[in-house]
C-alpha atoms as a PDB file:
ATOM      1  CA  MET A   1     -24.174 -16.392  -1.908  1.00  0.00           C
ATOM      2  CA  SER A   2     -20.647 -17.461  -4.204  1.00  0.00           C
ATOM      3  CA  PHE A   3     -19.600 -15.222  -6.039  1.00  0.00           C
ATOM      4  CA  ARG A   4     -17.867 -16.328  -9.010  1.00  0.00           C
ATOM      5  CA  GLY A   5     -17.570 -15.047 -12.726  1.00  0.00           C
ATOM      6  CA  SER A   6     -15.358 -11.991 -14.645  1.00  0.00           C
ATOM      7  CA  ALA A   7     -16.252  -8.681 -15.495  1.00  0.00           C
ATOM      8  CA  THR A   8     -13.611  -6.585 -17.304  1.00  0.00           C
ATOM      9  CA  LEU A   9     -14.777  -3.301 -15.602  1.00  0.00           C
ATOM     10  CA  ASN A  10     -13.233   0.538 -16.136  1.00  0.00           C
ATOM     11  CA  LEU A  11     -11.792   3.223 -13.253  1.00  0.00           C
ATOM     12  CA  ASP A  12     -13.270   6.282 -13.252  1.00  0.00           C
ATOM     13  CA  SER A  13     -10.343   9.105 -13.197  1.00  0.00           C
ATOM     14  CA  LYS A  14     -11.141   9.814  -8.882  1.00  0.00           C
ATOM     15  CA  GLY A  15      -9.733   5.343  -8.468  1.00  0.00           C
ATOM     16  CA  ARG A  16     -13.934   4.497  -8.608  1.00  0.00           C
ATOM     17  CA  LEU A  17     -15.224   1.398  -8.965  1.00  0.00           C
ATOM     18  CA  ALA A  18     -19.053  -0.186 -10.098  1.00  0.00           C
ATOM     19  CA  ILE A  19     -20.008  -3.951  -8.359  1.00  0.00           C
ATOM     20  CA  PRO A  20     -21.628  -5.202 -11.457  1.00  0.00           C
ATOM     21  CA  ALA A  21     -25.137  -5.365 -10.824  1.00  0.00           C
ATOM     22  CA  ARG A  22     -25.764  -8.977 -11.048  1.00  0.00           C
ATOM     23  CA  TYR A  23     -23.828  -9.507  -7.539  1.00  0.00           C
ATOM     24  CA  ARG A  24     -24.524  -5.549  -5.557  1.00  0.00           C
ATOM     25  CA  ASP A  25     -28.538  -7.096  -4.634  1.00  0.00           C
ATOM     26  CA  ALA A  26     -25.627  -9.798  -2.562  1.00  0.00           C
ATOM     27  CA  LEU A  27     -23.955  -8.027  -1.147  1.00  0.00           C
ATOM     28  CA  ALA A  28     -26.301  -5.602  -0.018  1.00  0.00           C
ATOM     29  CA  GLU A  29     -27.987  -8.576   1.470  1.00  0.00           C
ATOM     30  CA  ILE A  30     -25.367 -10.087   3.366  1.00  0.00           C
ATOM     31  CA  SER A  31     -23.166  -7.231   4.464  1.00  0.00           C
ATOM     32  CA  ALA A  32     -25.696  -4.073   3.516  1.00  0.00           C
ATOM     33  CA  GLY A  33     -23.031  -2.916   1.480  1.00  0.00           C
ATOM     34  CA  LYS A  34     -19.719  -2.400   3.142  1.00  0.00           C
ATOM     35  CA  LEU A  35     -17.606  -4.017   1.907  1.00  0.00           C
ATOM     36  CA  VAL A  36     -12.975  -4.367   2.806  1.00  0.00           C
ATOM     37  CA  LEU A  37     -10.352  -3.598   0.182  1.00  0.00           C
ATOM     38  CA  THR A  38      -7.318  -4.873   0.892  1.00  0.00           C
ATOM     39  CA  ALA A  39      -3.678  -6.621  -1.353  1.00  0.00           C
ATOM     40  CA  ASP A  40      -3.134  -9.481  -1.986  1.00  0.00           C
ATOM     41  CA  PRO A  41       0.892 -10.175  -1.942  1.00  0.00           C
ATOM     42  CA  SER A  42       0.288 -11.784  -5.212  1.00  0.00           C
ATOM     43  CA  LYS A  43       0.261  -7.902  -6.000  1.00  0.00           C
ATOM     44  CA  CYS A  44      -4.228  -8.073  -6.428  1.00  0.00           C
ATOM     45  CA  LEU A  45      -6.645  -6.766  -4.265  1.00  0.00           C
ATOM     46  CA  LEU A  46      -9.437  -8.813  -2.384  1.00  0.00           C
ATOM     47  CA  LEU A  47     -12.889  -7.716  -1.773  1.00  0.00           C
ATOM     48  CA  TYR A  48     -14.747  -9.468   0.486  1.00  0.00           C
ATOM     49  CA  PRO A  49     -18.380  -8.253   2.571  1.00  0.00           C
ATOM     50  CA  VAL A  50     -17.480  -7.298   5.689  1.00  0.00           C
ATOM     51  CA  THR A  51     -19.247  -9.812   7.090  1.00  0.00           C
ATOM     52  CA  GLU A  52     -16.749 -12.743   5.669  1.00  0.00           C
ATOM     53  CA  TRP A  53     -13.765 -10.128   5.908  1.00  0.00           C
ATOM     54  CA  GLY A  54     -14.228 -10.213   9.849  1.00  0.00           C
ATOM     55  CA  PRO A  55     -12.942 -14.216  10.885  1.00  0.00           C
ATOM     56  CA  ILE A  56     -10.594 -13.731   8.187  1.00  0.00           C
ATOM     57  CA  GLU A  57      -9.027 -10.729  10.304  1.00  0.00           C
ATOM     58  CA  GLU A  58      -9.036 -11.979  13.828  1.00  0.00           C
ATOM     59  CA  LYS A  59      -7.243 -15.167  12.079  1.00  0.00           C
ATOM     60  CA  LEU A  60      -3.967 -13.551  10.993  1.00  0.00           C
ATOM     61  CA  ASN A  61      -3.594 -11.094  14.154  1.00  0.00           C
ATOM     62  CA  SER A  62      -3.441 -14.560  15.720  1.00  0.00           C
ATOM     63  CA  VAL A  63      -0.374 -15.676  14.354  1.00  0.00           C
ATOM     64  CA  SER A  64       2.465 -15.886  16.027  1.00  0.00           C
ATOM     65  CA  SER A  65       4.100 -12.369  14.790  1.00  0.00           C
ATOM     66  CA  PHE A  66       7.700 -14.319  15.857  1.00  0.00           C
ATOM     67  CA  ASN A  67       7.802 -15.793  12.542  1.00  0.00           C
ATOM     68  CA  PRO A  68       8.725 -13.904   9.655  1.00  0.00           C
ATOM     69  CA  GLN A  69       6.668 -14.949   6.821  1.00  0.00           C
ATOM     70  CA  LEU A  70       3.808 -14.554   8.868  1.00  0.00           C
ATOM     71  CA  ARG A  71       4.496 -11.455  10.327  1.00  0.00           C
ATOM     72  CA  ALA A  72       5.678  -9.799   6.939  1.00  0.00           C
ATOM     73  CA  TYR A  73       2.098 -11.347   5.027  1.00  0.00           C
ATOM     74  CA  GLN A  74       0.590 -10.289   7.996  1.00  0.00           C
ATOM     75  CA  ARG A  75       1.704  -6.624   7.294  1.00  0.00           C
ATOM     76  CA  VAL A  76       0.292  -6.445   3.338  1.00  0.00           C
ATOM     77  CA  VAL A  77      -3.046  -8.157   4.540  1.00  0.00           C
ATOM     78  CA  VAL A  78      -3.909  -6.416   7.338  1.00  0.00           C
ATOM     79  CA  GLY A  79      -2.268  -3.429   6.915  1.00  0.00           C
ATOM     80  CA  TYR A  80      -3.619  -1.747   3.801  1.00  0.00           C
ATOM     81  CA  ALA A  81      -6.987  -3.284   4.803  1.00  0.00           C
ATOM     82  CA  GLU A  82      -9.524  -0.350   4.500  1.00  0.00           C
ATOM     83  CA  ASP A  83     -13.213  -0.343   4.456  1.00  0.00           C
ATOM     84  CA  VAL A  84     -15.166  -0.160   1.512  1.00  0.00           C
ATOM     85  CA  GLU A  85     -18.659   0.907   1.153  1.00  0.00           C
ATOM     86  CA  MET A  86     -20.622   0.699  -1.730  1.00  0.00           C
ATOM     87  CA  ASP A  87     -22.730   3.849  -3.153  1.00  0.00           C
ATOM     88  CA  SER A  88     -26.007   5.009  -4.221  1.00  0.00           C
ATOM     89  CA  ALA A  89     -25.072   3.683  -7.783  1.00  0.00           C
ATOM     90  CA  GLY A  90     -23.087   0.576  -6.644  1.00  0.00           C
ATOM     91  CA  ARG A  91     -19.446   1.981  -6.993  1.00  0.00           C
ATOM     92  CA  ILE A  92     -16.808   1.724  -4.379  1.00  0.00           C
ATOM     93  CA  LEU A  93     -13.169   3.516  -4.002  1.00  0.00           C
ATOM     94  CA  VAL A  94     -10.264   1.923  -4.771  1.00  0.00           C
ATOM     95  CA  SER A  95      -7.437   4.369  -2.642  1.00  0.00           C
ATOM     96  CA  PRO A  96      -4.694   5.335  -4.246  1.00  0.00           C
ATOM     97  CA  GLU A  97      -1.836   2.990  -2.099  1.00  0.00           C
ATOM     98  CA  LEU A  98      -4.257  -0.085  -3.309  1.00  0.00           C
ATOM     99  CA  ARG A  99      -4.199   0.911  -6.875  1.00  0.00           C
ATOM    100  CA  THR A 100      -0.721   1.513  -6.582  1.00  0.00           C
ATOM    101  CA  PHE A 101      -0.294  -1.837  -5.065  1.00  0.00           C
ATOM    102  CA  ALA A 102      -2.221  -3.668  -7.837  1.00  0.00           C
ATOM    103  CA  GLY A 103      -1.041  -1.031 -10.702  1.00  0.00           C
ATOM    104  CA  LEU A 104      -4.225  -0.648 -11.138  1.00  0.00           C
ATOM    105  CA  ASP A 105      -4.755   2.071 -13.978  1.00  0.00           C
ATOM    106  CA  LYS A 106      -8.011   2.384 -16.136  1.00  0.00           C
ATOM    107  CA  ARG A 107      -8.817  -1.450 -17.532  1.00  0.00           C
ATOM    108  CA  VAL A 108      -9.201  -3.743 -14.340  1.00  0.00           C
ATOM    109  CA  VAL A 109     -11.038  -7.620 -13.834  1.00  0.00           C
ATOM    110  CA  LEU A 110     -12.898  -8.622 -11.018  1.00  0.00           C
ATOM    111  CA  ILE A 111     -12.922 -12.011 -10.563  1.00  0.00           C
ATOM    112  CA  GLY A 112     -15.284 -14.003  -8.141  1.00  0.00           C
ATOM    113  CA  GLN A 113     -13.334 -16.538  -5.719  1.00  0.00           C
ATOM    114  CA  GLY A 114     -16.255 -18.050  -4.076  1.00  0.00           C
ATOM    115  CA  LYS A 115     -16.907 -16.113  -0.380  1.00  0.00           C
ATOM    116  CA  LYS A 116     -14.068 -12.805  -1.953  1.00  0.00           C
ATOM    117  CA  PHE A 117     -13.549 -10.737  -5.113  1.00  0.00           C
ATOM    118  CA  GLU A 118     -10.124 -10.721  -6.850  1.00  0.00           C
ATOM    119  CA  LEU A 119      -9.866  -7.574  -8.846  1.00  0.00           C
ATOM    120  CA  TRP A 120      -6.105  -8.116 -10.732  1.00  0.00           C
ATOM    121  CA  ASP A 121      -4.961  -5.158 -14.014  1.00  0.00           C
ATOM    122  CA  GLU A 122      -6.249  -6.350 -17.352  1.00  0.00           C
ATOM    123  CA  LEU A 123      -2.961  -6.951 -18.403  1.00  0.00           C
ATOM    124  CA  GLY A 124      -1.912  -9.412 -14.633  1.00  0.00           C
ATOM    125  CA  TRP A 125      -4.510 -11.294 -15.248  1.00  0.00           C
ATOM    126  CA  GLN A 126      -4.303 -12.278 -18.522  1.00  0.00           C
ATOM    127  CA  ARG A 127      -0.635 -13.428 -16.557  1.00  0.00           C
ATOM    128  CA  GLN A 128      -2.597 -15.231 -14.031  1.00  0.00           C
ATOM    129  CA  CYS A 129      -4.405 -17.113 -16.934  1.00  0.00           C
ATOM    130  CA  ASP A 130      -1.881 -18.098 -18.927  1.00  0.00           C
ATOM    131  CA  VAL A 131      -0.087 -19.500 -15.893  1.00  0.00           C
ATOM    132  CA  ALA A 132      -3.293 -21.683 -15.488  1.00  0.00           C
ATOM    133  CA  LEU A 133      -3.315 -22.863 -19.192  1.00  0.00           C
ATOM    134  CA  GLU A 134       0.644 -24.204 -18.102  1.00  0.00           C
ATOM    135  CA  TYR A 135      -0.640 -26.137 -15.369  1.00  0.00           C
ATOM    136  CA  SER A 136      -3.183 -27.524 -17.865  1.00  0.00           C
ATOM    137  CA  ALA A 137       0.123 -28.428 -21.002  1.00  0.00           C
ATOM    138  CA  ASN A 138       2.406 -29.911 -18.554  1.00  0.00           C
ATOM    139  CA  GLY A 139       0.583 -31.158 -16.050  1.00  0.00           C
ATOM    140  CA  MET A 140      -2.118 -30.468 -12.755  1.00  0.00           C
ATOM    141  CA  PRO A 141      -0.511 -30.327  -9.748  1.00  0.00           C
ATOM    142  CA  ALA A 142      -0.530 -32.944  -7.468  1.00  0.00           C
ATOM    143  CA  GLU A 143      -3.579 -31.997  -4.843  1.00  0.00           C
ATOM    144  CA  LEU A 144      -5.249 -31.826  -8.459  1.00  0.00           C
ATOM    145  CA  GLU A 145      -4.991 -34.973  -9.861  1.00  0.00           C
ATOM    146  CA  GLY A 146      -7.880 -37.365 -10.732  1.00  0.00           C
ATOM    147  CA  PHE A 147     -10.147 -33.941 -10.955  1.00  0.00           C
ATOM    148  CA  SER A 148     -12.250 -32.974 -13.485  1.00  0.00           C
ATOM    149  CA  LEU A 149     -14.196 -31.024 -15.245  1.00  0.00           C
END
């Protein structure tokens, strides 16, 4: 299963977020609705099926703690990681700590990114889109040279 597409959603007063119906069955099938929600240094949240998270956490925990940059990344990504589970209505609870980290209020955007999702506040997502459009105007990064849609 590859998650793609975007959905603008509302967090309720308790910090719950309804996963769009188009993703629920797949998440129930591949991870029984068990997910891991964590912080990303770019100030969004990452949402992984628990089956996809395991190898990532293992890799992050195996890096040298003597490299300060790797250690800082590990502190954020592993340190904020929380197990969450979809309830019978397909909702997950976003903790106050993670909501604060990512600046999430009421309106959020869930973005499919292949094997995971990103969760942005609406304004932060718009800024990311603006950055992507700047690349188009100023030439693509070298890694995408020759790439065409």
